[in-house]
Amino acid sequence: MIVSSSFKNEDVIPSLYTCEGRDVSPPLKWEKVPGALTYAIILEDPDAPGGTFVHWVIYNVKVLELPEGIEKKEKTQYGLQGVNDFGKIGYNGPCPPKGHGYHRYYFNVYALNTELSLRAIKKVTAEELRDAMEGHVIAFGNLMGKYRRG
């Protein structure tokens, strides 16, 4: 359901999209889901030493494609971005500990039957987004890329 023109599912993520490169979000594209009003994306690393680490939260996306390099601010022309586990708004790419081997990074896309109202929450987290999405997810897909540092 979700693809990138920069890497294929289960391939290595180009360093451009990581902390060792420009640390910009990759281009993403997904299929239209009948009945979906908005989409949400959560990028996660389940292989992080302290447990699953969130790298990106974006929601109320009304388009089927995101270009490379979404601005690191809450309100964008593509949707609203929450806070990642670095404590920052927007995308922060793969940055596993050096010598830790390959980590898997899941770009999870959720098709929702509603537009979410999270205005009362400052800096929406992945957990808060998941709570708000409960009962509204009508389809799900993911793209997994791998990355390792020295």
C-alpha atoms as a PDB file:
ATOM      1  CA  MET A   1       0.000   0.000   0.000  1.00  0.00           C
ATOM      2  CA  ILE A   2       2.923   2.418   0.611  1.00  0.00           C
ATOM      3  CA  VAL A   3       6.053   2.831  -1.520  1.00  0.00           C
ATOM      4  CA  SER A   4       9.009   5.174  -1.929  1.00  0.00           C
ATOM      5  CA  SER A   5      10.855   6.068  -5.114  1.00  0.00           C
ATOM      6  CA  SER A   6      14.067   6.179  -3.031  1.00  0.00           C
ATOM      7  CA  PHE A   7      14.156   2.615  -1.692  1.00  0.00           C
ATOM      8  CA  LYS A   8      12.183  -0.604  -1.959  1.00  0.00           C
ATOM      9  CA  ASN A   9      10.572  -2.576   0.849  1.00  0.00           C
ATOM     10  CA  GLU A  10      13.232  -4.310   2.988  1.00  0.00           C
ATOM     11  CA  ASP A  11      16.073  -2.384   1.257  1.00  0.00           C
ATOM     12  CA  VAL A  12      18.653  -0.160   2.926  1.00  0.00           C
ATOM     13  CA  ILE A  13      17.430   3.424   3.386  1.00  0.00           C
ATOM     14  CA  PRO A  14      19.745   5.882   1.563  1.00  0.00           C
ATOM     15  CA  SER A  15      21.877   7.902   4.006  1.00  0.00           C
ATOM     16  CA  LEU A  16      20.329  11.149   2.685  1.00  0.00           C
ATOM     17  CA  TYR A  17      17.277  10.333   4.841  1.00  0.00           C
ATOM     18  CA  THR A  18      19.286   9.584   8.006  1.00  0.00           C
ATOM     19  CA  CYS A  19      21.233  11.428  10.698  1.00  0.00           C
ATOM     20  CA  GLU A  20      24.367  10.763   8.645  1.00  0.00           C
ATOM     21  CA  GLY A  21      22.930  12.632   5.659  1.00  0.00           C
ATOM     22  CA  ARG A  22      20.547  15.597   5.285  1.00  0.00           C
ATOM     23  CA  ASP A  23      18.017  13.928   7.618  1.00  0.00           C
ATOM     24  CA  VAL A  24      15.069  14.773   5.357  1.00  0.00           C
ATOM     25  CA  SER A  25      11.918  12.695   4.959  1.00  0.00           C
ATOM     26  CA  PRO A  26      11.852  10.411   1.895  1.00  0.00           C
ATOM     27  CA  PRO A  27       9.228  10.673  -0.834  1.00  0.00           C
ATOM     28  CA  LEU A  28       6.268   8.390  -0.072  1.00  0.00           C
ATOM     29  CA  LYS A  29       3.224   7.363  -2.082  1.00  0.00           C
ATOM     30  CA  TRP A  30       0.243   5.141  -1.291  1.00  0.00           C
ATOM     31  CA  GLU A  31      -2.964   3.905  -2.867  1.00  0.00           C
ATOM     32  CA  LYS A  32      -6.300   5.620  -2.390  1.00  0.00           C
ATOM     33  CA  VAL A  33      -8.506   3.722   0.035  1.00  0.00           C
ATOM     34  CA  PRO A  34     -12.269   3.968  -0.619  1.00  0.00           C
ATOM     35  CA  GLY A  35     -13.925   5.741   2.310  1.00  0.00           C
ATOM     36  CA  ALA A  36     -10.690   7.254   3.627  1.00  0.00           C
ATOM     37  CA  LEU A  37     -10.893  10.961   4.465  1.00  0.00           C
ATOM     38  CA  THR A  38      -7.353  11.303   5.813  1.00  0.00           C
ATOM     39  CA  TYR A  39      -4.155   9.326   6.278  1.00  0.00           C
ATOM     40  CA  ALA A  40      -1.615   9.196   9.100  1.00  0.00           C
ATOM     41  CA  ILE A  41       1.986   8.004   9.088  1.00  0.00           C
ATOM     42  CA  ILE A  42       4.083   6.860  12.028  1.00  0.00           C
ATOM     43  CA  LEU A  43       7.743   5.942  11.427  1.00  0.00           C
ATOM     44  CA  GLU A  44       9.127   3.560  14.063  1.00  0.00           C
ATOM     45  CA  ASP A  45      12.284   1.616  14.873  1.00  0.00           C
ATOM     46  CA  PRO A  46      11.330  -1.523  16.860  1.00  0.00           C
ATOM     47  CA  ASP A  47      15.009  -2.478  17.208  1.00  0.00           C
ATOM     48  CA  ALA A  48      16.043   0.508  19.351  1.00  0.00           C
ATOM     49  CA  PRO A  49      17.846  -0.527  22.564  1.00  0.00           C
ATOM     50  CA  GLY A  50      15.209   1.052  24.826  1.00  0.00           C
ATOM     51  CA  GLY A  51      12.221  -0.315  22.917  1.00  0.00           C
ATOM     52  CA  THR A  52      10.316   0.996  19.899  1.00  0.00           C
ATOM     53  CA  PHE A  53      11.500   4.505  18.970  1.00  0.00           C
ATOM     54  CA  VAL A  54       9.262   6.911  17.020  1.00  0.00           C
ATOM     55  CA  HIS A  55      10.961   8.979  14.306  1.00  0.00           C
ATOM     56  CA  TRP A  56       7.975  10.710  12.683  1.00  0.00           C
ATOM     57  CA  VAL A  57       4.293  11.435  13.297  1.00  0.00           C
ATOM     58  CA  ILE A  58       2.161  13.098  10.601  1.00  0.00           C
ATOM     59  CA  TYR A  59      -1.635  13.029  10.424  1.00  0.00           C
ATOM     60  CA  ASN A  60      -4.681  14.598   8.751  1.00  0.00           C
ATOM     61  CA  VAL A  61      -2.887  14.024   5.451  1.00  0.00           C
ATOM     62  CA  LYS A  62      -5.353  14.451   2.589  1.00  0.00           C
ATOM     63  CA  VAL A  63      -3.025  13.677  -0.332  1.00  0.00           C
ATOM     64  CA  LEU A  64      -1.750  10.310  -1.590  1.00  0.00           C
ATOM     65  CA  GLU A  65       1.873  11.355  -1.915  1.00  0.00           C
ATOM     66  CA  LEU A  66       4.424  13.192   0.215  1.00  0.00           C
ATOM     67  CA  PRO A  67       7.474  14.744  -1.454  1.00  0.00           C
ATOM     68  CA  GLU A  68      10.988  14.518  -0.094  1.00  0.00           C
ATOM     69  CA  GLY A  69      11.860  16.899   2.710  1.00  0.00           C
ATOM     70  CA  ILE A  70       8.630  17.817   4.525  1.00  0.00           C
ATOM     71  CA  GLU A  71       9.304  20.931   6.626  1.00  0.00           C
ATOM     72  CA  LYS A  72       9.967  20.315  10.320  1.00  0.00           C
ATOM     73  CA  LYS A  73       7.014  22.285  11.693  1.00  0.00           C
ATOM     74  CA  GLU A  74       3.606  21.335  13.083  1.00  0.00           C
ATOM     75  CA  LYS A  75       1.406  22.723  10.301  1.00  0.00           C
ATOM     76  CA  THR A  76       2.443  21.859   6.757  1.00  0.00           C
ATOM     77  CA  GLN A  77       0.563  21.938   3.480  1.00  0.00           C
ATOM     78  CA  TYR A  78       0.470  18.129   3.636  1.00  0.00           C
ATOM     79  CA  GLY A  79      -0.810  17.594   7.170  1.00  0.00           C
ATOM     80  CA  LEU A  80      -0.056  18.134  10.845  1.00  0.00           C
ATOM     81  CA  GLN A  81       3.110  16.775  12.419  1.00  0.00           C
ATOM     82  CA  GLY A  82       3.515  15.570  15.956  1.00  0.00           C
ATOM     83  CA  VAL A  83       6.532  15.127  18.175  1.00  0.00           C
ATOM     84  CA  ASN A  84       8.951  12.225  17.732  1.00  0.00           C
ATOM     85  CA  ASP A  85      10.951  10.446  20.423  1.00  0.00           C
ATOM     86  CA  PHE A  86      13.842  12.898  19.912  1.00  0.00           C
ATOM     87  CA  GLY A  87      11.394  15.465  21.344  1.00  0.00           C
ATOM     88  CA  LYS A  88      11.235  17.304  18.014  1.00  0.00           C
ATOM     89  CA  ILE A  89       8.405  18.171  15.635  1.00  0.00           C
ATOM     90  CA  GLY A  90       8.565  16.470  12.242  1.00  0.00           C
ATOM     91  CA  TYR A  91      10.869  13.886  10.736  1.00  0.00           C
ATOM     92  CA  ASN A  92      14.153  12.751  12.210  1.00  0.00           C
ATOM     93  CA  GLY A  93      15.512   9.809  10.283  1.00  0.00           C
ATOM     94  CA  PRO A  94      17.272   6.594  11.160  1.00  0.00           C
ATOM     95  CA  CYS A  95      20.161   7.021  13.590  1.00  0.00           C
ATOM     96  CA  PRO A  96      20.852   3.682  15.297  1.00  0.00           C
ATOM     97  CA  PRO A  97      23.753   3.437  17.740  1.00  0.00           C
ATOM     98  CA  LYS A  98      27.081   2.823  15.989  1.00  0.00           C
ATOM     99  CA  GLY A  99      28.016  -0.840  15.940  1.00  0.00           C
ATOM    100  CA  HIS A 100      24.432  -1.920  16.721  1.00  0.00           C
ATOM    101  CA  GLY A 101      23.877  -3.519  13.305  1.00  0.00           C
ATOM    102  CA  TYR A 102      20.885  -3.021  11.061  1.00  0.00           C
ATOM    103  CA  HIS A 103      17.693  -1.603  12.517  1.00  0.00           C
ATOM    104  CA  ARG A 104      14.319  -1.903  10.791  1.00  0.00           C
ATOM    105  CA  TYR A 105      12.334   1.270  10.161  1.00  0.00           C
ATOM    106  CA  TYR A 106       8.603   0.923   9.520  1.00  0.00           C
ATOM    107  CA  PHE A 107       6.753   3.678   7.678  1.00  0.00           C
ATOM    108  CA  ASN A 108       3.239   2.747   8.856  1.00  0.00           C
ATOM    109  CA  VAL A 109       0.397   4.394   6.935  1.00  0.00           C
ATOM    110  CA  TYR A 110      -3.149   4.372   8.302  1.00  0.00           C
ATOM    111  CA  ALA A 111      -6.235   5.166   6.212  1.00  0.00           C
ATOM    112  CA  LEU A 112      -8.839   6.858   8.407  1.00  0.00           C
ATOM    113  CA  ASN A 113     -12.565   7.428   7.936  1.00  0.00           C
ATOM    114  CA  THR A 114     -12.347  10.841   9.645  1.00  0.00           C
ATOM    115  CA  GLU A 115     -10.262  13.955  10.145  1.00  0.00           C
ATOM    116  CA  LEU A 116      -8.758  13.920  13.628  1.00  0.00           C
ATOM    117  CA  SER A 117      -9.279  16.724  16.154  1.00  0.00           C
ATOM    118  CA  LEU A 118      -6.196  16.873  18.341  1.00  0.00           C
ATOM    119  CA  ARG A 119      -6.006  20.660  18.667  1.00  0.00           C
ATOM    120  CA  ALA A 120      -6.180  20.593  22.474  1.00  0.00           C
ATOM    121  CA  ILE A 121      -2.951  18.589  22.579  1.00  0.00           C
ATOM    122  CA  LYS A 122       0.319  20.439  22.083  1.00  0.00           C
ATOM    123  CA  LYS A 123       2.982  18.344  20.376  1.00  0.00           C
ATOM    124  CA  VAL A 124       0.966  15.209  19.573  1.00  0.00           C
ATOM    125  CA  THR A 125       2.846  11.964  20.269  1.00  0.00           C
ATOM    126  CA  ALA A 126       2.474   8.657  18.429  1.00  0.00           C
ATOM    127  CA  GLU A 127       0.638   7.231  21.445  1.00  0.00           C
ATOM    128  CA  GLU A 128      -1.864  10.112  21.461  1.00  0.00           C
ATOM    129  CA  LEU A 129      -2.334   9.739  17.720  1.00  0.00           C
ATOM    130  CA  ARG A 130      -2.966   5.999  18.071  1.00  0.00           C
ATOM    131  CA  ASP A 131      -5.556   6.676  20.780  1.00  0.00           C
ATOM    132  CA  ALA A 132      -7.315   9.222  18.538  1.00  0.00           C
ATOM    133  CA  MET A 133      -7.246   6.821  15.554  1.00  0.00           C
ATOM    134  CA  GLU A 134      -8.870   3.983  17.498  1.00  0.00           C
ATOM    135  CA  GLY A 135     -12.051   2.876  15.736  1.00  0.00           C
ATOM    136  CA  HIS A 136     -11.283   4.991  12.649  1.00  0.00           C
ATOM    137  CA  VAL A 137      -8.608   2.921  10.851  1.00  0.00           C
ATOM    138  CA  ILE A 138     -10.102   1.344   7.728  1.00  0.00           C
ATOM    139  CA  ALA A 139      -6.832   0.166   6.135  1.00  0.00           C
ATOM    140  CA  PHE A 140      -3.171  -0.151   7.077  1.00  0.00           C
ATOM    141  CA  GLY A 141       0.065  -0.731   5.222  1.00  0.00           C
ATOM    142  CA  ASN A 142       3.767  -0.296   5.752  1.00  0.00           C
ATOM    143  CA  LEU A 143       7.107   0.097   4.056  1.00  0.00           C
ATOM    144  CA  MET A 144      10.145  -1.247   5.884  1.00  0.00           C
ATOM    145  CA  GLY A 145      13.655   0.001   5.280  1.00  0.00           C
ATOM    146  CA  LYS A 146      16.872  -0.933   7.069  1.00  0.00           C
ATOM    147  CA  TYR A 147      19.801   1.168   8.204  1.00  0.00           C
ATOM    148  CA  ARG A 148      22.985   0.762  10.239  1.00  0.00           C
ATOM    149  CA  ARG A 149      25.829   3.048  11.253  1.00  0.00           C
ATOM    150  CA  GLY A 150      29.520   2.041  11.349  1.00  0.00           C
END
